[in-house]
C-alpha atoms as a PDB file:
ATOM      1  CA  MET A   1      62.677  87.319 135.158  1.00  0.00           C
ATOM      2  CA  GLY A   2      65.193  90.085 134.830  1.00  0.00           C
ATOM      3  CA  LEU A   3      64.081  93.767 132.977  1.00  0.00           C
ATOM      4  CA  LEU A   4      67.605  93.094 130.244  1.00  0.00           C
ATOM      5  CA  ARG A   5      65.972  89.701 129.820  1.00  0.00           C
ATOM      6  CA  ARG A   6      63.048  90.597 129.344  1.00  0.00           C
ATOM      7  CA  LYS A   7      60.893  89.118 125.253  1.00  0.00           C
ATOM      8  CA  GLU A   8      60.373  92.257 124.314  1.00  0.00           C
ATOM      9  CA  ILE A   9      63.496  94.485 124.985  1.00  0.00           C
ATOM     10  CA  LEU A  10      64.864  91.446 123.530  1.00  0.00           C
ATOM     11  CA  PHE A  11      63.225  91.291 119.629  1.00  0.00           C
ATOM     12  CA  PHE A  12      63.551  95.164 120.130  1.00  0.00           C
ATOM     13  CA  LEU A  13      66.654  94.946 119.958  1.00  0.00           C
ATOM     14  CA  ARG A  14      67.307  91.927 117.438  1.00  0.00           C
ATOM     15  CA  VAL A  15      64.953  93.867 114.913  1.00  0.00           C
ATOM     16  CA  VAL A  16      67.280  96.913 115.314  1.00  0.00           C
ATOM     17  CA  VAL A  17      70.983  95.100 114.937  1.00  0.00           C
ATOM     18  CA  GLY A  18      69.225  93.499 112.304  1.00  0.00           C
ATOM     19  CA  ALA A  19      68.067  96.171 110.353  1.00  0.00           C
ATOM     20  CA  ALA A  20      70.882  98.029 109.921  1.00  0.00           C
ATOM     21  CA  PHE A  21      72.756  95.202 108.560  1.00  0.00           C
ATOM     22  CA  VAL A  22      70.400  94.125 106.281  1.00  0.00           C
ATOM     23  CA  TYR A  23      70.330  98.325 105.389  1.00  0.00           C
ATOM     24  CA  GLY A  24      74.201  98.369 105.707  1.00  0.00           C
ATOM     25  CA  ALA A  25      74.036  94.831 103.469  1.00  0.00           C
ATOM     26  CA  TYR A  26      71.388  96.060 100.732  1.00  0.00           C
ATOM     27  CA  VAL A  27      73.430 100.145 100.351  1.00  0.00           C
ATOM     28  CA  LYS A  28      76.569  97.838  99.537  1.00  0.00           C
ATOM     29  CA  ILE A  29      74.857  94.893  97.179  1.00  0.00           C
ATOM     30  CA  LEU A  30      73.691  97.627  94.955  1.00  0.00           C
ATOM     31  CA  ALA A  31      76.968  99.924  94.336  1.00  0.00           C
ATOM     32  CA  PRO A  32      79.416  96.245  95.434  1.00  0.00           C
ATOM     33  CA  GLN A  33      82.604  98.670  93.487  1.00  0.00           C
ATOM     34  CA  LYS A  34      82.247 101.328  96.238  1.00  0.00           C
ATOM     35  CA  PHE A  35      82.405  99.336  98.745  1.00  0.00           C
ATOM     36  CA  ALA A  36      85.240  97.760  97.575  1.00  0.00           C
ATOM     37  CA  MET A  37      87.384 101.227  96.929  1.00  0.00           C
ATOM     38  CA  SER A  38      86.198 101.430 100.853  1.00  0.00           C
ATOM     39  CA  VAL A  39      87.566  97.876 101.645  1.00  0.00           C
ATOM     40  CA  ARG A  40      90.866  98.768  99.901  1.00  0.00           C
ATOM     41  CA  SER A  41      91.405 102.529 101.841  1.00  0.00           C
ATOM     42  CA  TYR A  42      91.357 100.550 105.410  1.00  0.00           C
ATOM     43  CA  GLN A  43      95.080  99.295 103.860  1.00  0.00           C
ATOM     44  CA  VAL A  44      94.537  95.965 106.483  1.00  0.00           C
ATOM     45  CA  LEU A  45      93.707  93.581 102.835  1.00  0.00           C
ATOM     46  CA  PRO A  46      96.046  93.089 100.035  1.00  0.00           C
ATOM     47  CA  ILE A  47      93.867  95.019  97.010  1.00  0.00           C
ATOM     48  CA  ALA A  48      93.252  92.062  95.584  1.00  0.00           C
ATOM     49  CA  LEU A  49      90.921  90.411  98.112  1.00  0.00           C
ATOM     50  CA  SER A  50      89.408  93.483  98.413  1.00  0.00           C
ATOM     51  CA  ASN A  51      86.633  92.658  95.766  1.00  0.00           C
ATOM     52  CA  PHE A  52      86.229  88.774  97.095  1.00  0.00           C
ATOM     53  CA  PHE A  53      85.350  90.933 101.138  1.00  0.00           C
ATOM     54  CA  ALA A  54      83.530  93.822 100.757  1.00  0.00           C
ATOM     55  CA  ILE A  55      80.771  90.772  98.073  1.00  0.00           C
ATOM     56  CA  ALA A  56      81.253  88.406 101.472  1.00  0.00           C
ATOM     57  CA  VAL A  57      81.012  90.924 103.759  1.00  0.00           C
ATOM     58  CA  ALA A  58      77.943  92.239 102.476  1.00  0.00           C
ATOM     59  CA  TRP A  59      76.288  89.609 101.860  1.00  0.00           C
ATOM     60  CA  SER A  60      77.018  87.970 105.696  1.00  0.00           C
ATOM     61  CA  GLU A  61      75.578  90.825 107.220  1.00  0.00           C
ATOM     62  CA  LEU A  62      72.665  91.252 104.662  1.00  0.00           C
ATOM     63  CA  ILE A  63      71.271  86.896 105.984  1.00  0.00           C
ATOM     64  CA  ALA A  64      72.495  87.658 109.141  1.00  0.00           C
ATOM     65  CA  GLY A  65      70.464  90.827 109.867  1.00  0.00           C
ATOM     66  CA  ALA A  66      67.317  89.197 108.105  1.00  0.00           C
ATOM     67  CA  CYS A  67      67.959  85.986 110.515  1.00  0.00           C
ATOM     68  CA  LEU A  68      67.965  88.497 113.285  1.00  0.00           C
ATOM     69  CA  ILE A  69      64.490  90.223 112.377  1.00  0.00           C
ATOM     70  CA  LEU A  70      62.688  87.051 111.262  1.00  0.00           C
ATOM     71  CA  GLY A  71      64.085  85.472 115.106  1.00  0.00           C
ATOM     72  CA  VAL A  72      65.822  82.559 112.601  1.00  0.00           C
ATOM     73  CA  PHE A  73      68.718  81.120 113.778  1.00  0.00           C
ATOM     74  CA  THR A  74      69.277  83.902 116.125  1.00  0.00           C
ATOM     75  CA  ARG A  75      72.466  82.864 118.043  1.00  0.00           C
ATOM     76  CA  GLN A  76      73.685  82.089 114.831  1.00  0.00           C
ATOM     77  CA  ALA A  77      72.944  85.141 113.204  1.00  0.00           C
ATOM     78  CA  ALA A  78      74.409  87.288 116.148  1.00  0.00           C
ATOM     79  CA  ALA A  79      76.945  85.159 116.695  1.00  0.00           C
ATOM     80  CA  SER A  80      78.753  85.459 112.808  1.00  0.00           C
ATOM     81  CA  LEU A  81      77.527  89.603 113.638  1.00  0.00           C
ATOM     82  CA  ALA A  82      79.991  89.674 116.718  1.00  0.00           C
ATOM     83  CA  ILE A  83      82.565  88.772 114.463  1.00  0.00           C
ATOM     84  CA  LEU A  84      82.427  90.714 111.400  1.00  0.00           C
ATOM     85  CA  LEU A  85      81.711  94.360 114.103  1.00  0.00           C
ATOM     86  CA  THR A  86      85.041  92.161 116.215  1.00  0.00           C
ATOM     87  CA  VAL A  87      86.747  92.784 112.898  1.00  0.00           C
ATOM     88  CA  PHE A  88      85.378  96.238 111.532  1.00  0.00           C
ATOM     89  CA  ILE A  89      86.532  97.176 115.107  1.00  0.00           C
ATOM     90  CA  ALA A  90      90.027  96.440 114.980  1.00  0.00           C
ATOM     91  CA  ALA A  91      90.155  97.855 111.412  1.00  0.00           C
ATOM     92  CA  MET A  92      89.316 101.338 112.530  1.00  0.00           C
ATOM     93  CA  ILE A  93      91.706 101.215 115.647  1.00  0.00           C
ATOM     94  CA  VAL A  94      94.013  99.890 113.061  1.00  0.00           C
ATOM     95  CA  VAL A  95      93.300 102.937 110.549  1.00  0.00           C
ATOM     96  CA  LEU A  96      93.433 105.660 114.034  1.00  0.00           C
ATOM     97  CA  ALA A  97      97.073 104.303 114.353  1.00  0.00           C
ATOM     98  CA  LYS A  98      98.364 105.112 110.729  1.00  0.00           C
ATOM     99  CA  GLY A  99      96.293 108.208 111.478  1.00  0.00           C
ATOM    100  CA  LEU A 100      94.563 107.466 108.472  1.00  0.00           C
ATOM    101  CA  VAL A 101      91.686 109.556 107.313  1.00  0.00           C
ATOM    102  CA  ILE A 102      88.834 107.736 105.474  1.00  0.00           C
ATOM    103  CA  ASP A 103      84.839 106.786 105.860  1.00  0.00           C
ATOM    104  CA  CYS A 104      84.138 103.677 108.025  1.00  0.00           C
ATOM    105  CA  GLY A 105      81.695 102.545 104.797  1.00  0.00           C
ATOM    106  CA  CYS A 106      79.312 101.185 106.966  1.00  0.00           C
ATOM    107  CA  PHE A 107      75.926 102.241 104.700  1.00  0.00           C
ATOM    108  CA  GLY A 108      77.587 103.224 101.468  1.00  0.00           C
ATOM    109  CA  PRO A 109      79.536 106.560 101.114  1.00  0.00           C
ATOM    110  CA  GLU A 110      76.894 108.704 101.347  1.00  0.00           C
ATOM    111  CA  GLY A 111      75.529 107.323 105.016  1.00  0.00           C
ATOM    112  CA  SER A 112      78.989 106.683 106.889  1.00  0.00           C
ATOM    113  CA  LEU A 113      80.975 108.346 109.867  1.00  0.00           C
ATOM    114  CA  THR A 114      84.608 109.123 109.385  1.00  0.00           C
ATOM    115  CA  VAL A 115      86.753 106.237 111.235  1.00  0.00           C
ATOM    116  CA  GLY A 116      87.793 107.228 114.678  1.00  0.00           C
ATOM    117  CA  TRP A 117      85.786 106.827 118.203  1.00  0.00           C
ATOM    118  CA  LEU A 118      82.204 107.727 117.802  1.00  0.00           C
ATOM    119  CA  ALA A 119      82.280 104.583 114.777  1.00  0.00           C
ATOM    120  CA  ILE A 120      83.908 102.700 116.826  1.00  0.00           C
ATOM    121  CA  LEU A 121      81.461 102.817 120.257  1.00  0.00           C
ATOM    122  CA  ARG A 122      78.773 102.205 117.427  1.00  0.00           C
ATOM    123  CA  ASN A 123      80.555  99.260 116.757  1.00  0.00           C
ATOM    124  CA  LEU A 124      81.220  98.413 120.823  1.00  0.00           C
ATOM    125  CA  VAL A 125      77.178  98.955 121.376  1.00  0.00           C
ATOM    126  CA  LEU A 126      76.338  96.851 118.567  1.00  0.00           C
ATOM    127  CA  LEU A 127      78.877  94.220 120.023  1.00  0.00           C
ATOM    128  CA  SER A 128      77.305  93.807 122.579  1.00  0.00           C
ATOM    129  CA  ILE A 129      73.676  93.357 121.258  1.00  0.00           C
ATOM    130  CA  THR A 130      74.998  91.185 119.420  1.00  0.00           C
ATOM    131  CA  LEU A 131      76.400  89.393 122.344  1.00  0.00           C
ATOM    132  CA  TRP A 132      73.585  89.419 124.734  1.00  0.00           C
ATOM    133  CA  VAL A 133      71.158  88.173 121.462  1.00  0.00           C
ATOM    134  CA  MET A 134      73.952  85.215 122.153  1.00  0.00           C
ATOM    135  CA  ARG A 135      73.416  84.698 125.528  1.00  0.00           C
ATOM    136  CA  ALA A 136      69.541  85.498 126.544  1.00  0.00           C
ATOM    137  CA  ASP A 137      68.074  84.742 123.110  1.00  0.00           C
ATOM    138  CA  ASP A 138      65.596  81.905 123.162  1.00  0.00           C
ATOM    139  CA  GLY A 139      63.524  81.831 119.888  1.00  0.00           C
ATOM    140  CA  SER A 140      59.723  82.535 121.380  1.00  0.00           C
ATOM    141  CA  VAL A 141      60.345  85.022 119.096  1.00  0.00           C
ATOM    142  CA  SER A 142      60.392  84.115 116.102  1.00  0.00           C
ATOM    143  CA  ILE A 143      58.902  83.470 112.900  1.00  0.00           C
ATOM    144  CA  ARG A 144      59.435  79.362 113.478  1.00  0.00           C
ATOM    145  CA  ARG A 145      56.821  80.112 115.952  1.00  0.00           C
ATOM    146  CA  LEU A 146      54.658  80.678 113.072  1.00  0.00           C
ATOM    147  CA  LEU A 147      55.007  77.164 111.408  1.00  0.00           C
ATOM    148  CA  PRO A 148      54.032  73.924 111.949  1.00  0.00           C
ATOM    149  CA  ALA A 149      55.678  72.056 113.909  1.00  0.00           C
ATOM    150  CA  ARG A 150      57.394  69.561 112.585  1.00  0.00           C
ATOM    151  CA  ARG A 151      57.196  65.655 113.547  1.00  0.00           C
END
Protein backbone atom coordinates (compact mmCIF):
# COMPACT_ATOMS: atom_id res chain seq x y z
CA MET A 1 0.00 0.00 0.00
CA GLY A 2 1.47 3.36 -1.06
CA LEU A 3 2.08 6.23 1.31
CA LEU A 4 -0.83 8.25 -0.10
CA ARG A 5 -3.24 5.37 0.56
CA ARG A 6 -2.37 4.88 4.20
CA LYS A 7 -5.55 4.93 6.23
CA GLU A 8 -4.04 6.99 9.04
CA ILE A 9 -2.97 9.82 6.74
CA LEU A 10 -6.29 9.78 4.93
CA PHE A 11 -8.16 9.82 8.24
CA PHE A 12 -6.03 12.69 9.56
CA LEU A 13 -6.56 14.81 6.44
CA ARG A 14 -10.25 13.97 6.38
CA VAL A 15 -10.62 15.18 9.97
CA VAL A 16 -8.56 18.34 9.37
CA VAL A 17 -10.59 19.32 6.30
CA GLY A 18 -13.84 18.39 8.01
CA ALA A 19 -12.94 20.43 11.09
CA ALA A 20 -12.00 23.44 8.96
CA PHE A 21 -15.38 23.36 7.24
CA VAL A 22 -17.30 22.75 10.47
CA TYR A 23 -15.55 25.72 12.09
CA GLY A 24 -16.12 27.92 9.03
CA ALA A 25 -19.78 26.93 8.93
CA TYR A 26 -20.21 27.53 12.66
CA VAL A 27 -18.93 31.09 12.35
CA LYS A 28 -21.16 31.74 9.33
CA ILE A 29 -24.25 30.27 10.98
CA LEU A 30 -23.73 32.46 14.05
CA ALA A 31 -23.58 35.62 11.92
CA PRO A 32 -25.65 34.95 8.78
CA GLN A 33 -26.08 38.64 7.96
CA LYS A 34 -22.34 39.24 7.97
CA PHE A 35 -21.73 36.22 5.78
CA ALA A 36 -24.47 37.34 3.37
CA MET A 37 -22.66 40.69 3.13
CA SER A 38 -19.44 38.80 2.34
CA VAL A 39 -21.26 36.92 -0.41
CA ARG A 40 -22.56 40.21 -1.83
CA SER A 41 -19.06 41.71 -1.86
CA TYR A 42 -18.02 39.15 -4.50
CA GLN A 43 -20.50 40.75 -6.92
CA VAL A 44 -21.19 37.46 -8.71
CA LEU A 45 -24.76 36.78 -7.53
CA PRO A 46 -27.86 38.93 -7.61
CA ILE A 47 -28.43 40.53 -4.22
CA ALA A 48 -31.76 38.69 -3.94
CA LEU A 49 -29.92 35.33 -3.94
CA SER A 50 -27.13 36.26 -1.53
CA ASN A 51 -29.08 35.48 1.67
CA PHE A 52 -30.23 32.08 0.37
CA PHE A 53 -26.74 31.24 -0.90
CA ALA A 54 -25.13 32.25 2.41
CA ILE A 55 -27.46 30.02 4.41
CA ALA A 56 -27.19 27.10 1.97
CA VAL A 57 -23.39 27.27 1.89
CA ALA A 58 -23.02 27.47 5.67
CA TRP A 59 -25.29 24.50 6.36
CA SER A 60 -23.81 22.48 3.49
CA GLU A 61 -20.33 23.05 4.89
CA LEU A 62 -21.47 22.02 8.38
CA ILE A 63 -23.13 18.79 7.24
CA ALA A 64 -20.38 17.77 4.81
CA GLY A 65 -17.62 18.63 7.31
CA ALA A 66 -19.31 16.62 10.06
CA CYS A 67 -19.71 13.67 7.69
CA LEU A 68 -16.00 13.79 6.87
CA ILE A 69 -15.04 13.83 10.54
CA LEU A 70 -17.38 10.98 11.43
CA GLY A 71 -16.62 8.94 8.34
CA VAL A 72 -20.24 8.80 7.25
CA PHE A 73 -20.94 9.20 3.53
CA THR A 74 -17.35 10.41 3.19
CA ARG A 75 -17.19 10.22 -0.60
CA GLN A 76 -20.43 12.14 -0.98
CA ALA A 77 -19.35 14.71 1.60
CA ALA A 78 -15.98 15.13 -0.11
CA ALA A 79 -17.75 15.52 -3.46
CA SER A 80 -20.02 18.21 -2.01
CA LEU A 81 -17.04 20.10 -0.62
CA ALA A 82 -15.16 19.69 -3.90
CA ILE A 83 -18.07 21.34 -5.71
CA LEU A 84 -18.18 24.18 -3.16
CA LEU A 85 -14.42 24.67 -3.36
CA THR A 86 -14.58 24.82 -7.17
CA VAL A 87 -17.28 27.49 -6.94
CA PHE A 88 -15.22 29.40 -4.34
CA ILE A 89 -12.10 29.27 -6.52
CA ALA A 90 -14.03 30.47 -9.57
CA ALA A 91 -15.59 33.32 -7.56
CA MET A 92 -12.17 34.37 -6.26
CA ILE A 93 -10.76 34.42 -9.77
CA VAL A 94 -13.66 36.64 -10.86
CA VAL A 95 -12.95 38.98 -7.92
CA LEU A 96 -9.27 39.21 -8.89
CA ALA A 97 -10.20 39.84 -12.53
CA LYS A 98 -12.51 42.68 -11.44
CA GLY A 99 -9.73 44.17 -9.31
CA LEU A 100 -11.78 44.05 -6.11
CA VAL A 101 -10.09 43.93 -2.73
CA ILE A 102 -12.34 41.99 -0.35
CA ASP A 103 -12.12 39.46 2.47
CA CYS A 104 -12.92 35.93 1.36
CA GLY A 105 -15.46 35.41 4.16
CA CYS A 106 -14.23 31.85 4.59
CA PHE A 107 -13.98 31.88 8.37
CA GLY A 108 -16.20 34.80 9.22
CA PRO A 109 -15.38 38.48 9.12
CA GLU A 110 -12.54 38.29 11.66
CA GLY A 111 -10.77 35.17 10.41
CA SER A 112 -10.61 35.57 6.67
CA LEU A 113 -7.89 36.16 4.14
CA THR A 114 -8.12 38.85 1.54
CA VAL A 115 -9.15 37.28 -1.76
CA GLY A 116 -5.92 36.63 -3.61
CA TRP A 117 -3.61 33.93 -4.80
CA LEU A 118 -2.91 32.68 -1.26
CA ALA A 119 -6.63 32.08 -0.63
CA ILE A 120 -6.93 30.38 -4.02
CA LEU A 121 -3.91 28.20 -3.26
CA ARG A 122 -5.41 27.20 0.11
CA ASN A 123 -8.64 26.22 -1.64
CA LEU A 124 -6.74 24.27 -4.29
CA VAL A 125 -5.00 22.29 -1.53
CA LEU A 126 -8.34 21.61 0.15
CA LEU A 127 -9.81 20.65 -3.23
CA SER A 128 -6.99 18.17 -3.87
CA ILE A 129 -7.58 16.58 -0.45
CA THR A 130 -11.32 16.27 -1.05
CA LEU A 131 -10.67 14.68 -4.45
CA TRP A 132 -8.24 12.24 -2.84
CA VAL A 133 -10.83 11.34 -0.18
CA MET A 134 -13.40 10.76 -2.92
CA ARG A 135 -11.02 8.39 -4.67
CA ALA A 136 -9.29 6.60 -1.80
CA ASP A 137 -11.59 6.51 1.23
CA ASP A 138 -13.00 3.04 1.80
CA GLY A 139 -14.91 3.81 4.99
CA SER A 140 -12.62 1.64 7.08
CA VAL A 141 -12.00 4.43 9.60
CA SER A 142 -15.50 5.62 10.39
CA ILE A 143 -18.11 5.77 13.08
CA ARG A 144 -20.18 3.29 11.05
CA ARG A 145 -17.65 0.58 12.01
CA LEU A 146 -18.74 1.03 15.63
CA LEU A 147 -22.42 0.48 14.86
CA PRO A 148 -23.93 -3.00 14.77
CA ALA A 149 -24.21 -4.48 11.28
CA ARG A 150 -27.63 -4.49 9.64
CA ARG A 151 -29.11 -7.75 8.50
